[in-house]
Amino acid sequence: MKTALLLLAAMTLAAAAQTPKKGGRQRQPLPDKVETRPVSIWSDGTRMAGDLYLPKDLKSGEKLPAIVLCAGTGGTKGGTQARLAPLFAEKGYIVLAFDYRGWGQSESQLKAIEPQPAPDANNEMTIKVKALRWQMNYTDQTEDIRAAISFMAGEPHADPERIGLWGSSYGGGLVTWVAGNDPRVKCVAAQVPGMAGARGPAAIKRGYELASQQARGEVEPVPVETGKLTGKMATYANMRVNPVKNIGFSATEAATKINAPALFVLAENEELSSNATVEAVLKSLQERHVPSKIHVIKGITHYGVYKEGFDEATQVEIEWFAKHLQGVPGAATETPASSEAK
């Protein structure tokens, strides 16, 4: 019992952290035909906070297509996901918005500050721990997304054979990877995706050197004081990145395994990631005859997809899911990237 109280206190304090906002709007009231309820999602023993959005007055046994929303850097279920989820739910989807472990309202993964004592007869112990917050961790966040898919697959009104993924920015790269590695994903939409590709030999060598230092306790095993973002991403002062977790992760390689319809919404003046990389991904998908397309929003930069480009991006994504999860004829057309620019 003492263990539970100690861990709960640590996680409650840590969960109070706030995320930076990028051009967010005031949250609008839910549409009259949509309701929401909070849910808890277990990911490898840690509870994640989620909000489920669904149409009201569902009939007993009724099954609807489902969409899992996945945030970008520093994003939470109360931000862009909360703007988007009601719009999808109003169109007849069960929608899950959630916070990755250690982000937003989700509980934290924990690091023991001191050596663990022997557990008692109930495998419980009292120990001082540090809550690990706001980690950008490909390994763990892709596992969080798969846990969210698993949760949705068990939702009574969700059709487990019609689950789609939506992700933005950092989350756009994550959902691309998951779509290539989880056959339960039947449709994916990634906007302004950060597509981590194969790293050069020098970067891989540095990653393995850091992995050795972390394993030996010569540096922080998980970055807290270190690992701050730099350059254009330095505005996310609360975030931490661990290059060791980048080793072996490649959204572009994963995309070669995607068989589900895939949409990529890009900013014409993208400044944080590479549109050319996404175009190469599209080419590989179309060569394998996977339904796929790029839609370029003219005149916007990366963060414009949350501001002046939000309505256009959302409409394209609604049409894509309508065709590929709901089977609405003519809702979206797969055409080359060049003809999708508006």
Protein backbone atom coordinates (compact mmCIF):
# COMPACT_ATOMS: atom_id res chain seq x y z
CA MET A 1 0.00 0.00 0.00
CA LYS A 2 2.89 2.35 0.87
CA THR A 3 4.37 1.66 -2.54
CA ALA A 4 1.17 2.53 -4.32
CA LEU A 5 0.81 5.82 -2.43
CA LEU A 6 4.41 6.81 -3.09
CA LEU A 7 4.21 6.08 -6.82
CA LEU A 8 0.83 7.78 -7.13
CA ALA A 9 2.17 10.93 -5.49
CA ALA A 10 5.18 11.05 -7.81
CA MET A 11 3.08 10.55 -10.91
CA THR A 12 0.39 13.06 -9.84
CA LEU A 13 2.97 15.80 -9.31
CA ALA A 14 4.66 15.07 -12.61
CA ALA A 15 1.41 15.04 -14.55
CA ALA A 16 0.89 18.70 -13.69
CA ALA A 17 3.45 19.66 -16.35
CA GLN A 18 2.04 21.66 -19.24
CA THR A 19 2.83 21.42 -22.93
CA PRO A 20 3.70 24.34 -25.22
CA LYS A 21 0.99 25.29 -27.68
CA LYS A 22 1.48 26.06 -31.35
CA GLY A 23 -1.27 28.19 -32.77
CA GLY A 24 -4.07 26.45 -30.90
CA ARG A 25 -7.65 27.69 -30.88
CA GLN A 26 -10.25 27.87 -28.16
CA ARG A 27 -11.89 24.47 -27.84
CA GLN A 28 -15.37 24.47 -29.33
CA PRO A 29 -18.42 22.86 -27.66
CA LEU A 30 -19.10 19.29 -28.71
CA PRO A 31 -21.57 18.87 -31.57
CA ASP A 32 -25.06 17.95 -30.35
CA LYS A 33 -24.77 14.41 -31.71
CA VAL A 34 -21.36 13.64 -30.15
CA GLU A 35 -20.46 12.58 -26.63
CA THR A 36 -17.15 11.90 -24.93
CA ARG A 37 -15.89 9.95 -21.95
CA PRO A 38 -12.50 9.58 -20.31
CA VAL A 39 -10.74 6.21 -20.54
CA SER A 40 -7.56 4.62 -19.22
CA ILE A 41 -5.29 2.68 -21.57
CA TRP A 42 -2.58 0.36 -20.27
CA SER A 43 0.71 0.51 -22.15
CA ASP A 44 3.31 -1.92 -20.83
CA GLY A 45 2.11 -1.51 -17.25
CA THR A 46 1.60 2.28 -17.29
CA ARG A 47 -1.79 4.00 -17.54
CA MET A 48 -2.32 6.45 -20.37
CA ALA A 49 -5.12 9.01 -20.26
CA GLY A 50 -7.54 9.00 -23.17
CA ASP A 51 -10.78 10.57 -24.33
CA LEU A 52 -13.21 8.53 -26.38
CA TYR A 53 -15.49 10.43 -28.76
CA LEU A 54 -18.52 8.70 -30.22
CA PRO A 55 -21.88 9.45 -31.79
CA LYS A 56 -24.80 9.55 -29.37
CA ASP A 57 -27.64 7.02 -29.39
CA LEU A 58 -25.64 4.07 -30.70
CA LYS A 59 -27.76 0.97 -31.04
CA SER A 60 -26.92 -2.24 -29.21
CA GLY A 61 -24.41 -4.24 -31.24
CA GLU A 62 -23.77 -1.42 -33.70
CA LYS A 63 -20.17 -1.32 -34.95
CA LEU A 64 -18.55 1.78 -36.41
CA PRO A 65 -15.15 2.39 -37.99
CA ALA A 66 -12.60 3.78 -35.54
CA ILE A 67 -9.77 6.31 -35.65
CA VAL A 68 -6.86 6.67 -33.22
CA LEU A 69 -5.34 10.17 -33.08
CA CYS A 70 -1.59 10.51 -32.40
CA ALA A 71 0.01 13.78 -31.35
CA GLY A 72 3.13 15.52 -32.55
CA THR A 73 5.91 17.01 -30.43
CA GLY A 74 4.54 18.13 -27.08
CA GLY A 75 0.95 17.62 -28.22
CA THR A 76 -1.81 16.35 -25.95
CA LYS A 77 -5.33 15.03 -26.24
CA GLY A 78 -6.64 18.45 -25.21
CA GLY A 79 -5.05 20.24 -28.17
CA THR A 80 -5.39 19.46 -31.88
CA GLN A 81 -6.86 16.05 -31.08
CA ALA A 82 -9.72 17.70 -29.18
CA ARG A 83 -10.42 19.94 -32.18
CA LEU A 84 -10.37 17.06 -34.66
CA ALA A 85 -12.00 14.19 -32.75
CA PRO A 86 -15.54 15.66 -32.62
CA LEU A 87 -15.44 16.32 -36.36
CA PHE A 88 -14.69 12.67 -37.07
CA ALA A 89 -17.18 11.41 -34.47
CA GLU A 90 -19.88 13.56 -36.07
CA LYS A 91 -19.16 11.72 -39.34
CA GLY A 92 -19.83 8.33 -37.76
CA TYR A 93 -16.54 7.18 -36.22
CA ILE A 94 -15.47 6.06 -32.78
CA VAL A 95 -12.44 8.27 -32.08
CA LEU A 96 -9.71 7.91 -29.45
CA ALA A 97 -7.50 10.81 -28.41
CA PHE A 98 -4.78 10.00 -25.89
CA ASP A 99 -1.54 11.18 -24.28
CA TYR A 100 1.64 9.13 -24.64
CA ARG A 101 3.16 7.82 -21.42
CA GLY A 102 4.72 10.72 -19.52
CA TRP A 103 2.94 13.35 -21.65
CA GLY A 104 -0.07 15.45 -20.68
CA GLN A 105 -2.38 13.67 -18.24
CA SER A 106 -0.92 10.20 -18.69
CA GLU A 107 1.02 8.58 -15.90
CA SER A 108 4.79 8.45 -16.06
CA GLN A 109 7.32 5.76 -16.55
CA LEU A 110 9.54 5.69 -13.47
CA LYS A 111 13.26 5.51 -12.80
CA ALA A 112 14.49 4.24 -9.43
CA ILE A 113 16.83 6.80 -7.85
CA GLU A 114 18.31 4.29 -5.43
CA PRO A 115 18.90 0.51 -5.60
CA GLN A 116 15.71 -1.46 -5.21
CA PRO A 117 15.17 -3.29 -1.93
CA ALA A 118 13.91 -6.85 -1.97
CA PRO A 119 10.16 -6.95 -2.62
CA ASP A 120 7.86 -8.22 0.10
CA ALA A 121 5.56 -11.24 -0.13
CA ASN A 122 3.20 -9.24 -2.37
CA ASN A 123 6.07 -8.12 -4.64
CA GLU A 124 5.69 -4.59 -3.27
CA MET A 125 8.42 -2.19 -2.13
CA THR A 126 8.87 1.40 -1.06
CA ILE A 127 11.47 3.30 -3.05
CA LYS A 128 12.24 6.84 -4.21
CA VAL A 129 11.63 7.28 -7.92
CA LYS A 130 11.86 9.95 -10.59
CA ALA A 131 8.97 10.47 -13.00
CA LEU A 132 10.13 10.49 -16.62
CA ARG A 133 8.19 13.21 -18.41
CA TRP A 134 8.01 14.50 -21.98
CA GLN A 135 10.36 11.96 -23.51
CA MET A 136 10.48 11.71 -27.32
CA ASN A 137 11.05 8.00 -27.63
CA TYR A 138 10.26 6.15 -30.86
CA THR A 139 10.41 2.75 -29.17
CA ASP A 140 7.96 3.60 -26.41
CA GLN A 141 5.62 5.86 -28.37
CA THR A 142 5.07 3.33 -31.15
CA GLU A 143 4.23 0.85 -28.38
CA ASP A 144 1.80 3.41 -26.91
CA ILE A 145 0.07 3.72 -30.28
CA ARG A 146 -0.23 -0.06 -30.57
CA ALA A 147 -1.72 -0.14 -27.06
CA ALA A 148 -4.25 2.49 -28.15
CA ILE A 149 -5.13 0.33 -31.16
CA SER A 150 -5.57 -2.66 -28.85
CA PHE A 151 -7.84 -0.62 -26.61
CA MET A 152 -9.92 0.47 -29.58
CA ALA A 153 -10.14 -3.10 -30.91
CA GLY A 154 -11.91 -4.07 -27.69
CA GLU A 155 -14.30 -1.12 -27.63
CA PRO A 156 -17.86 -2.54 -27.95
CA HIS A 157 -19.00 -0.15 -30.68
CA ALA A 158 -15.72 -0.09 -32.64
CA ASP A 159 -15.21 -2.40 -35.60
CA PRO A 160 -11.76 -3.99 -35.08
CA GLU A 161 -11.52 -4.62 -38.83
CA ARG A 162 -11.84 -0.89 -39.62
CA ILE A 163 -9.30 0.94 -37.47
CA GLY A 164 -7.47 3.95 -38.89
CA LEU A 165 -4.57 6.05 -37.63
CA TRP A 166 -4.10 9.81 -37.81
CA GLY A 167 -0.82 11.46 -36.82
CA SER A 168 0.73 14.88 -37.13
CA SER A 169 4.38 16.00 -37.33
CA TYR A 170 6.38 13.71 -35.00
CA GLY A 171 3.19 11.65 -34.68
CA GLY A 172 2.95 11.49 -38.48
CA GLY A 173 6.23 9.61 -38.58
CA LEU A 174 5.11 7.35 -35.74
CA VAL A 175 1.84 6.37 -37.45
CA THR A 176 3.71 5.67 -40.67
CA TRP A 177 5.94 3.23 -38.80
CA VAL A 178 2.99 1.60 -37.02
CA ALA A 179 1.00 1.28 -40.26
CA GLY A 180 3.93 -0.65 -41.72
CA ASN A 181 4.27 -2.95 -38.72
CA ASP A 182 0.74 -3.53 -37.41
CA PRO A 183 -1.72 -5.26 -39.77
CA ARG A 184 -4.68 -4.02 -37.71
CA VAL A 185 -4.21 -0.56 -39.27
CA LYS A 186 -6.59 -0.39 -42.23
CA CYS A 187 -6.06 3.26 -43.18
CA VAL A 188 -3.57 5.97 -42.23
CA ALA A 189 -3.35 9.75 -42.58
CA ALA A 190 -0.12 11.54 -41.70
CA GLN A 191 0.13 15.32 -41.91
CA VAL A 192 3.43 17.23 -42.10
CA PRO A 193 5.11 13.96 -41.00
CA GLY A 194 8.59 13.80 -39.55
CA MET A 195 9.95 10.87 -41.56
CA ALA A 196 13.08 9.64 -39.81
CA GLY A 197 15.04 7.73 -42.40
CA ALA A 198 18.24 5.74 -42.37
CA ARG A 199 21.00 7.51 -40.42
CA GLY A 200 24.56 7.84 -41.61
CA PRO A 201 27.41 5.78 -40.16
CA ALA A 202 28.66 8.63 -37.96
CA ALA A 203 25.24 9.18 -36.35
CA ILE A 204 24.79 5.45 -35.78
CA LYS A 205 28.27 5.22 -34.22
CA ARG A 206 27.48 8.13 -31.86
CA GLY A 207 24.21 6.48 -30.92
CA TYR A 208 25.87 3.22 -29.97
CA GLU A 209 28.55 5.06 -28.01
CA LEU A 210 25.85 6.85 -26.03
CA ALA A 211 24.03 3.54 -25.52
CA SER A 212 27.18 2.10 -23.95
CA GLN A 213 27.53 5.12 -21.66
CA GLN A 214 23.88 4.87 -20.57
CA ALA A 215 24.17 1.13 -19.91
CA ARG A 216 27.28 1.70 -17.76
CA GLY A 217 25.74 4.59 -15.81
CA GLU A 218 28.38 7.02 -17.06
CA VAL A 219 25.65 9.41 -18.23
CA GLU A 220 21.95 9.71 -17.44
CA PRO A 221 20.28 6.36 -18.29
CA VAL A 222 17.29 8.39 -19.47
CA PRO A 223 17.79 12.05 -20.43
CA VAL A 224 16.33 14.52 -17.96
CA GLU A 225 18.99 17.18 -17.46
CA THR A 226 20.38 16.35 -20.90
CA GLY A 227 18.57 15.63 -24.18
CA LYS A 228 17.11 19.09 -24.77
CA LEU A 229 15.95 19.87 -28.29
CA THR A 230 18.02 22.33 -30.27
CA GLY A 231 17.68 24.56 -33.30
CA LYS A 232 14.15 25.27 -34.50
CA MET A 233 12.78 22.73 -32.00
CA ALA A 234 14.34 24.42 -28.95
CA THR A 235 11.01 26.13 -28.28
CA TYR A 236 9.87 22.82 -26.77
CA ALA A 237 11.97 23.41 -23.66
CA ASN A 238 10.20 20.68 -21.66
CA MET A 239 10.86 17.91 -24.19
CA ARG A 240 13.75 15.47 -24.04
CA VAL A 241 15.11 13.24 -26.81
CA ASN A 242 17.23 10.11 -26.44
CA PRO A 243 19.27 9.38 -29.61
CA VAL A 244 19.71 5.78 -28.44
CA LYS A 245 16.01 5.23 -29.07
CA ASN A 246 16.45 6.38 -32.66
CA ILE A 247 18.70 3.44 -33.50
CA GLY A 248 16.92 1.13 -35.92
CA PHE A 249 13.84 3.36 -36.27
CA SER A 250 12.98 4.39 -39.81
CA ALA A 251 9.53 5.51 -40.88
CA THR A 252 10.65 5.44 -44.51
CA GLU A 253 11.73 1.81 -44.27
CA ALA A 254 8.52 0.90 -42.47
CA ALA A 255 6.53 2.54 -45.24
CA THR A 256 7.79 -0.12 -47.66
CA LYS A 257 5.64 -2.59 -45.69
CA ILE A 258 2.45 -0.50 -45.61
CA ASN A 259 -0.48 -2.17 -47.35
CA ALA A 260 -3.24 0.06 -45.98
CA PRO A 261 -4.39 3.18 -47.85
CA ALA A 262 -2.03 6.02 -46.91
CA LEU A 263 -2.57 9.79 -47.14
CA PHE A 264 0.14 12.40 -46.56
CA VAL A 265 -0.86 16.05 -46.09
CA LEU A 266 2.09 18.39 -46.61
CA ALA A 267 2.85 22.07 -46.14
CA GLU A 268 4.14 23.66 -49.35
CA ASN A 269 6.75 25.65 -47.42
CA GLU A 270 7.74 22.90 -44.97
CA GLU A 271 10.75 24.01 -42.94
CA LEU A 272 11.14 21.30 -40.28
CA SER A 273 11.10 18.06 -42.28
CA SER A 274 11.51 16.89 -45.86
CA ASN A 275 8.68 16.85 -48.38
CA ALA A 276 11.03 15.11 -50.81
CA THR A 277 11.32 12.19 -48.40
CA VAL A 278 7.52 11.86 -48.24
CA GLU A 279 7.34 12.02 -52.04
CA ALA A 280 9.79 9.11 -52.21
CA VAL A 281 7.59 7.17 -49.80
CA LEU A 282 4.55 7.87 -51.97
CA LYS A 283 6.41 6.61 -55.05
CA SER A 284 7.28 3.34 -53.32
CA LEU A 285 3.67 2.86 -52.24
CA GLN A 286 2.29 3.54 -55.70
CA GLU A 287 4.80 1.16 -57.26
CA ARG A 288 3.26 -1.55 -55.06
CA HIS A 289 -0.26 -0.34 -56.03
CA VAL A 290 -1.13 0.67 -52.47
CA PRO A 291 -3.91 3.31 -52.51
CA SER A 292 -1.99 6.45 -51.57
CA LYS A 293 -1.64 10.14 -52.27
CA ILE A 294 -0.05 13.38 -51.21
CA HIS A 295 -2.07 16.53 -50.72
CA VAL A 296 -0.03 19.76 -50.58
CA ILE A 297 -1.52 22.79 -48.86
CA LYS A 298 -0.31 25.86 -50.69
CA GLY A 299 1.33 28.79 -48.94
CA ILE A 300 1.74 27.35 -45.46
CA THR A 301 4.69 26.32 -43.33
CA HIS A 302 4.80 23.35 -40.93
CA TYR A 303 2.67 24.87 -38.17
CA GLY A 304 0.19 26.29 -40.66
CA VAL A 305 -1.51 22.90 -40.74
CA TYR A 306 -2.84 23.73 -37.26
CA LYS A 307 -3.87 27.26 -38.19
CA GLU A 308 -4.77 28.58 -41.64
CA GLY A 309 -4.42 25.13 -43.22
CA PHE A 310 -6.43 23.26 -40.58
CA ASP A 311 -9.78 23.27 -42.41
CA GLU A 312 -8.29 22.13 -45.72
CA ALA A 313 -6.23 19.38 -44.10
CA THR A 314 -9.20 18.16 -42.08
CA GLN A 315 -11.51 18.04 -45.09
CA VAL A 316 -9.01 15.98 -47.10
CA GLU A 317 -8.54 13.59 -44.17
CA ILE A 318 -12.30 13.24 -43.63
CA GLU A 319 -12.71 12.31 -47.31
CA TRP A 320 -9.83 9.82 -47.14
CA PHE A 321 -11.22 7.97 -44.14
CA ALA A 322 -14.73 8.11 -45.58
CA LYS A 323 -13.61 6.21 -48.65
CA HIS A 324 -11.26 3.74 -47.02
CA LEU A 325 -12.95 3.08 -43.67
CA GLN A 326 -16.59 3.77 -44.48
CA GLY A 327 -16.58 2.79 -48.14
CA VAL A 328 -18.13 6.03 -49.36
CA PRO A 329 -17.83 6.01 -53.19
CA GLY A 330 -15.83 8.87 -54.65
CA ALA A 331 -14.91 10.33 -51.28
CA ALA A 332 -11.22 10.46 -52.22
CA THR A 333 -9.19 9.78 -55.32
CA GLU A 334 -5.66 8.42 -55.42
CA THR A 335 -3.72 10.53 -57.87
CA PRO A 336 -0.10 11.61 -58.27
CA ALA A 337 1.21 14.16 -55.80
CA SER A 338 1.55 16.94 -58.37
CA SER A 339 -2.17 17.00 -59.16
CA GLU A 340 -3.12 17.05 -55.50
CA ALA A 341 -1.59 20.45 -54.81
CA LYS A 342 -4.12 23.20 -54.47
